[in-house]
């Protein structure tokens, strides 16, 4: 069995927790704020109780490379946990986005991820790459929520 790796990205925002998580959890909205990496975004399947809820599967990317992510836990305005859905080269990937109000107004955003190294020795490089990608997306998410996009 491969080794486990993880990463964590933290940001602060003047936007509300709801504004941040609403954009992050909503599959189709990724195309609004995730460019240039995310040009296409849609629901493959909506959640049982609400579109972004448990069981929802979003597809994001640029055809023919679309990543499918399934919501496994969802607390509106507070927390979103997702995994990769279907065939994927990254084993056991699990990400969690948590938004927490700050004392002075605004929000603390914590986006973490973990996975099992798919090929021996690939873990450190893959963790660094995923952290860079999430750092990029979290910055775009914060900017979109703060500007109302």
N, C-alpha and C. Protein backbone atom coordinates (compact mmCIF):
# COMPACT_ATOMS: atom_id res chain seq x y z
N UNK A 1 0.84 -1.19 0.00
CA UNK A 1 0.00 0.00 0.00
C UNK A 1 0.88 1.24 0.00
N UNK A 2 0.47 2.26 -0.76
CA UNK A 2 1.25 3.50 -0.87
C UNK A 2 1.17 4.36 0.38
N UNK A 3 2.05 5.31 0.45
CA UNK A 3 2.08 6.24 1.58
C UNK A 3 1.00 7.31 1.40
N UNK A 4 0.51 7.84 2.54
CA UNK A 4 -0.49 8.91 2.53
C UNK A 4 0.22 10.25 2.53
N UNK A 5 -0.35 11.20 1.79
CA UNK A 5 0.15 12.56 1.74
C UNK A 5 -1.02 13.51 1.91
N UNK A 6 -0.71 14.72 2.37
CA UNK A 6 -1.77 15.72 2.55
C UNK A 6 -1.20 17.11 2.32
N UNK A 7 -2.11 18.06 2.18
CA UNK A 7 -1.73 19.47 2.04
C UNK A 7 -2.82 20.31 2.68
N UNK A 8 -2.50 21.57 2.94
CA UNK A 8 -3.45 22.51 3.54
C UNK A 8 -3.19 23.90 3.00
N UNK A 9 -4.25 24.58 2.61
CA UNK A 9 -4.18 25.96 2.13
C UNK A 9 -5.13 26.78 2.99
N UNK A 10 -4.64 27.90 3.52
CA UNK A 10 -5.45 28.80 4.35
C UNK A 10 -5.49 30.18 3.73
N UNK A 11 -6.65 30.80 3.79
CA UNK A 11 -6.82 32.17 3.28
C UNK A 11 -7.82 32.89 4.18
N UNK A 12 -7.76 34.22 4.14
CA UNK A 12 -8.79 35.02 4.78
C UNK A 12 -9.49 35.83 3.70
N UNK A 13 -10.73 36.18 3.97
CA UNK A 13 -11.53 36.90 2.99
C UNK A 13 -12.46 37.86 3.71
N UNK A 14 -12.78 38.95 3.05
CA UNK A 14 -13.78 39.87 3.59
C UNK A 14 -15.20 39.39 3.27
N UNK A 15 -15.33 38.38 2.41
CA UNK A 15 -16.63 37.82 2.06
C UNK A 15 -17.17 36.95 3.19
N UNK A 16 -18.46 36.71 3.17
CA UNK A 16 -19.09 35.87 4.19
C UNK A 16 -18.76 34.40 3.94
N UNK A 17 -18.86 33.57 4.99
CA UNK A 17 -18.66 32.13 4.78
C UNK A 17 -19.62 31.57 3.73
N UNK A 18 -20.87 32.04 3.76
CA UNK A 18 -21.87 31.55 2.79
C UNK A 18 -21.48 31.89 1.37
N UNK A 19 -20.97 33.10 1.14
CA UNK A 19 -20.59 33.52 -0.21
C UNK A 19 -19.44 32.65 -0.74
N UNK A 20 -18.50 32.31 0.11
CA UNK A 20 -17.38 31.48 -0.32
C UNK A 20 -17.82 30.05 -0.61
N UNK A 21 -18.50 29.44 0.35
CA UNK A 21 -18.85 28.03 0.18
C UNK A 21 -19.89 27.83 -0.91
N UNK A 22 -20.78 28.79 -1.07
CA UNK A 22 -21.78 28.71 -2.14
C UNK A 22 -21.10 28.59 -3.50
N UNK A 23 -20.05 29.37 -3.73
CA UNK A 23 -19.33 29.33 -5.01
C UNK A 23 -18.49 28.05 -5.15
N UNK A 24 -17.85 27.64 -4.06
CA UNK A 24 -16.98 26.46 -4.14
C UNK A 24 -17.78 25.18 -4.35
N UNK A 25 -18.91 25.03 -3.66
CA UNK A 25 -19.67 23.78 -3.73
C UNK A 25 -20.53 23.67 -4.99
N UNK A 26 -20.86 24.79 -5.61
CA UNK A 26 -21.75 24.79 -6.77
C UNK A 26 -20.96 24.45 -8.04
N UNK A 27 -21.17 23.24 -8.55
CA UNK A 27 -20.43 22.77 -9.72
C UNK A 27 -20.41 23.72 -10.90
N UNK A 28 -21.56 24.14 -11.43
CA UNK A 28 -21.56 25.01 -12.61
C UNK A 28 -20.87 26.36 -12.40
N UNK A 29 -20.85 26.87 -11.18
CA UNK A 29 -20.25 28.20 -10.94
C UNK A 29 -18.73 28.20 -11.08
N UNK A 30 -18.10 27.03 -11.05
CA UNK A 30 -16.64 26.99 -11.21
C UNK A 30 -16.22 27.63 -12.53
N UNK A 31 -17.03 27.50 -13.56
CA UNK A 31 -16.70 28.11 -14.86
C UNK A 31 -16.71 29.63 -14.79
N UNK A 32 -17.39 30.21 -13.81
CA UNK A 32 -17.43 31.66 -13.65
C UNK A 32 -16.13 32.19 -13.06
N UNK A 33 -15.56 31.47 -12.10
CA UNK A 33 -14.41 32.01 -11.37
C UNK A 33 -13.13 31.18 -11.50
N UNK A 34 -13.19 30.01 -12.10
CA UNK A 34 -12.04 29.11 -12.14
C UNK A 34 -11.17 29.19 -13.39
N UNK A 35 -11.46 30.13 -14.26
CA UNK A 35 -10.68 30.25 -15.50
C UNK A 35 -9.25 30.67 -15.19
N UNK A 36 -8.25 30.28 -15.92
CA UNK A 36 -8.32 29.60 -17.21
C UNK A 36 -8.30 28.07 -17.10
N UNK A 37 -8.10 27.51 -15.92
CA UNK A 37 -8.05 26.05 -15.81
C UNK A 37 -9.43 25.41 -15.93
N UNK A 38 -10.44 26.09 -15.43
CA UNK A 38 -11.80 25.56 -15.49
C UNK A 38 -12.59 26.42 -16.48
N UNK A 39 -12.91 25.83 -17.61
CA UNK A 39 -13.70 26.52 -18.63
C UNK A 39 -15.10 25.92 -18.70
N UNK A 40 -15.18 24.63 -18.43
CA UNK A 40 -16.46 23.94 -18.43
C UNK A 40 -16.73 23.44 -17.02
N UNK A 41 -17.97 23.59 -16.59
CA UNK A 41 -18.36 23.10 -15.27
C UNK A 41 -19.86 22.83 -15.30
N UNK A 42 -20.24 21.68 -14.77
CA UNK A 42 -21.66 21.31 -14.77
C UNK A 42 -21.90 20.23 -13.73
N UNK A 43 -23.18 19.98 -13.48
CA UNK A 43 -23.55 18.86 -12.64
C UNK A 43 -23.65 17.62 -13.49
N UNK A 44 -22.96 16.57 -13.11
CA UNK A 44 -23.19 15.25 -13.69
C UNK A 44 -24.39 14.64 -12.99
N UNK A 45 -24.47 14.95 -11.68
CA UNK A 45 -25.60 14.49 -10.87
C UNK A 45 -25.75 15.46 -9.70
N UNK A 46 -26.97 15.87 -9.40
CA UNK A 46 -27.20 16.73 -8.24
C UNK A 46 -27.43 15.89 -7.00
N UNK A 47 -27.23 16.50 -5.84
CA UNK A 47 -27.41 15.81 -4.58
C UNK A 47 -28.86 15.45 -4.31
N UNK A 48 -29.08 14.56 -3.37
CA UNK A 48 -30.42 14.07 -3.07
C UNK A 48 -31.30 15.17 -2.47
N UNK A 49 -30.76 15.96 -1.53
CA UNK A 49 -31.56 16.97 -0.84
C UNK A 49 -31.41 18.37 -1.41
N UNK A 50 -30.27 18.66 -2.02
CA UNK A 50 -30.01 19.96 -2.63
C UNK A 50 -28.95 19.77 -3.69
N UNK A 51 -28.87 20.67 -4.67
CA UNK A 51 -27.95 20.44 -5.80
C UNK A 51 -26.51 20.10 -5.39
N UNK A 52 -25.94 20.83 -4.43
CA UNK A 52 -24.54 20.60 -4.04
C UNK A 52 -24.40 19.61 -2.88
N UNK A 53 -25.50 19.02 -2.45
CA UNK A 53 -25.48 18.15 -1.29
C UNK A 53 -24.86 16.79 -1.52
N UNK A 54 -24.92 15.96 -0.50
CA UNK A 54 -24.33 14.62 -0.53
C UNK A 54 -24.84 13.86 -1.76
N UNK A 55 -23.90 13.26 -2.47
CA UNK A 55 -24.22 12.51 -3.69
C UNK A 55 -24.06 13.31 -4.96
N UNK A 56 -23.94 14.64 -4.86
CA UNK A 56 -23.74 15.46 -6.05
C UNK A 56 -22.40 15.13 -6.69
N UNK A 57 -22.37 15.16 -8.01
CA UNK A 57 -21.12 14.97 -8.76
C UNK A 57 -20.99 16.13 -9.73
N UNK A 58 -19.91 16.91 -9.56
CA UNK A 58 -19.65 18.00 -10.49
C UNK A 58 -18.56 17.58 -11.45
N UNK A 59 -18.62 18.09 -12.66
CA UNK A 59 -17.58 17.89 -13.66
C UNK A 59 -16.99 19.25 -13.96
N UNK A 60 -15.68 19.38 -13.80
CA UNK A 60 -15.01 20.65 -14.04
C UNK A 60 -13.75 20.41 -14.86
N UNK A 61 -13.40 21.38 -15.70
CA UNK A 61 -12.17 21.27 -16.47
C UNK A 61 -12.32 21.90 -17.84
N UNK A 62 -11.65 21.29 -18.78
CA UNK A 62 -11.68 21.72 -20.17
C UNK A 62 -11.66 20.45 -21.00
N UNK A 63 -12.74 20.21 -21.74
CA UNK A 63 -12.87 18.99 -22.51
C UNK A 63 -11.64 18.80 -23.38
N UNK A 64 -11.06 17.62 -23.43
CA UNK A 64 -11.57 16.34 -22.98
C UNK A 64 -11.17 15.97 -21.55
N UNK A 65 -10.51 16.85 -20.84
CA UNK A 65 -10.10 16.55 -19.46
C UNK A 65 -11.10 17.17 -18.50
N UNK A 66 -12.02 16.35 -18.03
CA UNK A 66 -13.00 16.79 -17.04
C UNK A 66 -12.80 15.96 -15.77
N UNK A 67 -12.66 16.63 -14.66
CA UNK A 67 -12.49 15.96 -13.38
C UNK A 67 -13.87 15.86 -12.73
N UNK A 68 -14.18 14.70 -12.23
CA UNK A 68 -15.46 14.47 -11.55
C UNK A 68 -15.21 14.38 -10.06
N UNK A 69 -15.96 15.17 -9.30
CA UNK A 69 -15.82 15.20 -7.85
C UNK A 69 -17.18 14.97 -7.21
N UNK A 70 -17.22 14.04 -6.27
CA UNK A 70 -18.48 13.69 -5.60
C UNK A 70 -18.51 14.25 -4.18
N UNK A 71 -19.59 14.92 -3.84
CA UNK A 71 -19.79 15.43 -2.48
C UNK A 71 -20.12 14.27 -1.56
N UNK A 72 -19.34 14.13 -0.49
CA UNK A 72 -19.59 13.07 0.49
C UNK A 72 -20.08 13.62 1.83
N UNK A 73 -19.84 14.90 2.09
CA UNK A 73 -20.37 15.58 3.29
C UNK A 73 -20.60 17.03 2.91
N UNK A 74 -21.71 17.60 3.41
CA UNK A 74 -22.01 18.98 3.06
C UNK A 74 -22.81 19.64 4.16
N UNK A 75 -22.28 20.76 4.67
CA UNK A 75 -22.96 21.60 5.64
C UNK A 75 -23.00 22.99 5.03
N UNK A 76 -24.15 23.41 4.46
CA UNK A 76 -24.22 24.72 3.78
C UNK A 76 -23.67 25.85 4.66
N UNK A 77 -22.87 26.70 4.04
CA UNK A 77 -22.30 27.84 4.75
C UNK A 77 -21.21 27.49 5.74
N UNK A 78 -20.81 26.22 5.79
CA UNK A 78 -19.79 25.82 6.77
C UNK A 78 -18.72 24.86 6.21
N UNK A 79 -19.14 23.79 5.48
CA UNK A 79 -18.18 22.74 5.16
C UNK A 79 -18.62 21.95 3.93
N UNK A 80 -17.64 21.60 3.10
CA UNK A 80 -17.87 20.77 1.91
C UNK A 80 -16.73 19.76 1.81
N UNK A 81 -17.07 18.48 1.74
CA UNK A 81 -16.07 17.41 1.62
C UNK A 81 -16.38 16.65 0.33
N UNK A 82 -15.34 16.44 -0.47
CA UNK A 82 -15.54 15.73 -1.73
C UNK A 82 -14.38 14.80 -2.04
N UNK A 83 -14.65 13.84 -2.91
CA UNK A 83 -13.64 12.89 -3.38
C UNK A 83 -13.71 12.87 -4.90
N UNK A 84 -12.71 12.28 -5.53
CA UNK A 84 -12.79 12.09 -6.98
C UNK A 84 -13.79 10.98 -7.26
N UNK A 85 -14.53 11.12 -8.33
CA UNK A 85 -15.58 10.18 -8.71
C UNK A 85 -15.14 9.44 -9.96
N UNK A 86 -15.24 8.12 -9.92
CA UNK A 86 -14.89 7.32 -11.09
C UNK A 86 -13.39 7.08 -11.18
N UNK A 87 -12.96 6.64 -12.36
CA UNK A 87 -11.55 6.33 -12.58
C UNK A 87 -10.70 7.60 -12.44
N UNK A 88 -9.61 7.49 -11.69
CA UNK A 88 -8.74 8.63 -11.48
C UNK A 88 -7.36 8.13 -11.09
N UNK A 89 -6.30 8.77 -11.58
CA UNK A 89 -4.95 8.31 -11.24
C UNK A 89 -4.53 8.61 -9.79
N UNK A 90 -5.26 9.51 -9.11
CA UNK A 90 -4.91 9.85 -7.73
C UNK A 90 -5.77 9.00 -6.80
N UNK A 91 -5.13 8.14 -6.04
CA UNK A 91 -5.85 7.18 -5.20
C UNK A 91 -6.33 7.81 -3.89
N UNK A 92 -7.56 7.47 -3.51
CA UNK A 92 -8.12 7.84 -2.21
C UNK A 92 -8.10 9.35 -1.94
N UNK A 93 -8.27 10.16 -2.98
CA UNK A 93 -8.26 11.61 -2.80
C UNK A 93 -9.49 12.04 -2.02
N UNK A 94 -9.27 12.89 -1.04
CA UNK A 94 -10.37 13.45 -0.24
C UNK A 94 -9.99 14.89 0.08
N UNK A 95 -10.91 15.81 -0.20
CA UNK A 95 -10.67 17.23 0.08
C UNK A 95 -11.76 17.76 0.98
N UNK A 96 -11.40 18.74 1.80
CA UNK A 96 -12.36 19.37 2.70
C UNK A 96 -12.17 20.87 2.64
N UNK A 97 -13.26 21.59 2.46
CA UNK A 97 -13.28 23.04 2.47
C UNK A 97 -14.10 23.46 3.68
N UNK A 98 -13.47 24.22 4.59
CA UNK A 98 -14.15 24.69 5.80
C UNK A 98 -14.05 26.21 5.83
N UNK A 99 -15.20 26.86 6.04
CA UNK A 99 -15.23 28.32 6.16
C UNK A 99 -15.71 28.68 7.56
N UNK A 100 -15.00 29.60 8.20
CA UNK A 100 -15.29 29.98 9.58
C UNK A 100 -15.31 31.50 9.68
N UNK A 101 -16.38 32.07 10.25
CA UNK A 101 -16.41 33.53 10.42
C UNK A 101 -15.25 33.99 11.31
N UNK A 102 -14.69 35.15 10.99
CA UNK A 102 -13.64 35.73 11.82
C UNK A 102 -14.24 36.79 12.74
N UNK A 103 -13.52 37.10 13.81
CA UNK A 103 -14.03 38.05 14.81
C UNK A 103 -14.35 39.43 14.23
N UNK A 104 -13.51 39.92 13.36
CA UNK A 104 -13.69 41.26 12.82
C UNK A 104 -14.58 41.31 11.59
N UNK A 105 -15.26 40.24 11.28
CA UNK A 105 -16.03 40.15 10.04
C UNK A 105 -15.18 39.44 8.99
N UNK A 106 -15.80 38.87 8.04
CA UNK A 106 -15.07 38.12 7.03
C UNK A 106 -14.97 36.65 7.41
N UNK A 107 -14.06 35.97 6.74
CA UNK A 107 -14.03 34.51 6.83
C UNK A 107 -12.61 33.97 6.75
N UNK A 108 -12.38 32.90 7.50
CA UNK A 108 -11.17 32.10 7.33
C UNK A 108 -11.55 30.90 6.49
N UNK A 109 -10.78 30.65 5.42
CA UNK A 109 -11.00 29.52 4.52
C UNK A 109 -9.85 28.54 4.71
N UNK A 110 -10.20 27.27 4.97
CA UNK A 110 -9.19 26.21 5.06
C UNK A 110 -9.58 25.12 4.08
N UNK A 111 -8.68 24.84 3.14
CA UNK A 111 -8.92 23.84 2.09
C UNK A 111 -7.83 22.80 2.22
N UNK A 112 -8.19 21.59 2.60
CA UNK A 112 -7.22 20.53 2.80
C UNK A 112 -7.50 19.38 1.83
N UNK A 113 -6.48 18.58 1.61
CA UNK A 113 -6.63 17.41 0.77
C UNK A 113 -5.67 16.32 1.21
N UNK A 114 -6.05 15.08 0.93
CA UNK A 114 -5.18 13.95 1.22
C UNK A 114 -5.38 12.89 0.15
N UNK A 115 -4.38 12.04 -0.01
CA UNK A 115 -4.43 10.99 -1.02
C UNK A 115 -3.38 9.94 -0.70
N UNK A 116 -3.51 8.80 -1.36
CA UNK A 116 -2.51 7.75 -1.28
C UNK A 116 -1.65 7.84 -2.52
N UNK A 117 -0.37 7.81 -2.32
CA UNK A 117 0.59 7.89 -3.43
C UNK A 117 0.28 6.78 -4.46
N UNK A 118 -0.01 7.16 -5.73
CA UNK A 118 -0.38 6.15 -6.72
C UNK A 118 0.80 5.31 -7.21
N UNK A 119 1.98 5.92 -7.26
CA UNK A 119 3.20 5.24 -7.69
C UNK A 119 4.27 5.57 -6.67
N UNK A 120 4.99 4.57 -6.22
CA UNK A 120 6.02 4.78 -5.20
C UNK A 120 6.95 5.93 -5.60
N UNK A 121 7.11 6.87 -4.68
CA UNK A 121 7.99 8.01 -4.91
C UNK A 121 7.31 9.22 -5.52
N UNK A 122 6.05 9.08 -5.96
CA UNK A 122 5.35 10.20 -6.61
C UNK A 122 4.65 11.13 -5.63
N UNK A 123 4.51 10.72 -4.38
CA UNK A 123 3.74 11.47 -3.40
C UNK A 123 4.18 12.91 -3.16
N UNK A 124 5.46 13.16 -2.89
CA UNK A 124 5.86 14.53 -2.61
C UNK A 124 5.59 15.49 -3.77
N UNK A 125 5.89 15.08 -4.97
CA UNK A 125 5.66 15.95 -6.13
C UNK A 125 4.17 16.16 -6.37
N UNK A 126 3.39 15.12 -6.22
CA UNK A 126 1.95 15.22 -6.42
C UNK A 126 1.31 16.11 -5.36
N UNK A 127 1.75 15.97 -4.11
CA UNK A 127 1.23 16.82 -3.03
C UNK A 127 1.56 18.29 -3.30
N UNK A 128 2.77 18.57 -3.77
CA UNK A 128 3.16 19.95 -4.08
C UNK A 128 2.32 20.51 -5.23
N UNK A 129 2.08 19.70 -6.24
CA UNK A 129 1.27 20.13 -7.38
C UNK A 129 -0.17 20.41 -6.94
N UNK A 130 -0.76 19.50 -6.20
CA UNK A 130 -2.13 19.69 -5.74
C UNK A 130 -2.25 20.92 -4.85
N UNK A 131 -1.28 21.12 -3.97
CA UNK A 131 -1.31 22.32 -3.11
C UNK A 131 -1.25 23.58 -3.96
N UNK A 132 -0.41 23.62 -4.99
CA UNK A 132 -0.32 24.79 -5.87
C UNK A 132 -1.64 25.05 -6.59
N UNK A 133 -2.27 23.98 -7.07
CA UNK A 133 -3.54 24.12 -7.77
C UNK A 133 -4.62 24.64 -6.82
N UNK A 134 -4.70 24.09 -5.62
CA UNK A 134 -5.70 24.54 -4.65
C UNK A 134 -5.40 25.96 -4.18
N UNK A 135 -4.13 26.32 -4.06
CA UNK A 135 -3.77 27.70 -3.71
C UNK A 135 -4.28 28.66 -4.80
N UNK A 136 -4.11 28.27 -6.06
CA UNK A 136 -4.60 29.07 -7.18
C UNK A 136 -6.12 29.20 -7.12
N UNK A 137 -6.81 28.06 -6.99
CA UNK A 137 -8.27 28.08 -6.96
C UNK A 137 -8.81 28.84 -5.75
N UNK A 138 -8.19 28.67 -4.59
CA UNK A 138 -8.68 29.37 -3.40
C UNK A 138 -8.54 30.88 -3.55
N UNK A 139 -7.47 31.33 -4.19
CA UNK A 139 -7.29 32.75 -4.46
C UNK A 139 -8.36 33.28 -5.40
N UNK A 140 -8.66 32.52 -6.43
CA UNK A 140 -9.71 32.91 -7.38
C UNK A 140 -11.07 32.90 -6.71
N UNK A 141 -11.31 31.92 -5.85
CA UNK A 141 -12.57 31.83 -5.12
C UNK A 141 -12.77 33.03 -4.21
N UNK A 142 -11.74 33.40 -3.45
CA UNK A 142 -11.82 34.54 -2.55
C UNK A 142 -12.11 35.82 -3.35
N UNK A 143 -11.40 36.00 -4.45
CA UNK A 143 -11.59 37.21 -5.26
C UNK A 143 -13.01 37.26 -5.81
N UNK A 144 -13.52 36.15 -6.29
CA UNK A 144 -14.87 36.10 -6.85
C UNK A 144 -15.91 36.41 -5.76
N UNK A 145 -15.74 35.85 -4.58
CA UNK A 145 -16.71 36.09 -3.50
C UNK A 145 -16.65 37.55 -3.02
N UNK A 146 -15.46 38.11 -2.98
CA UNK A 146 -15.32 39.49 -2.52
C UNK A 146 -15.85 40.51 -3.53
N UNK A 147 -15.78 40.16 -4.80
CA UNK A 147 -16.26 41.09 -5.84
C UNK A 147 -17.68 40.77 -6.29
N UNK A 148 -18.26 39.72 -5.73
CA UNK A 148 -19.63 39.37 -6.08
C UNK A 148 -19.80 38.67 -7.42
N UNK A 149 -18.71 38.14 -7.98
CA UNK A 149 -18.80 37.42 -9.27
C UNK A 149 -19.24 36.01 -9.05
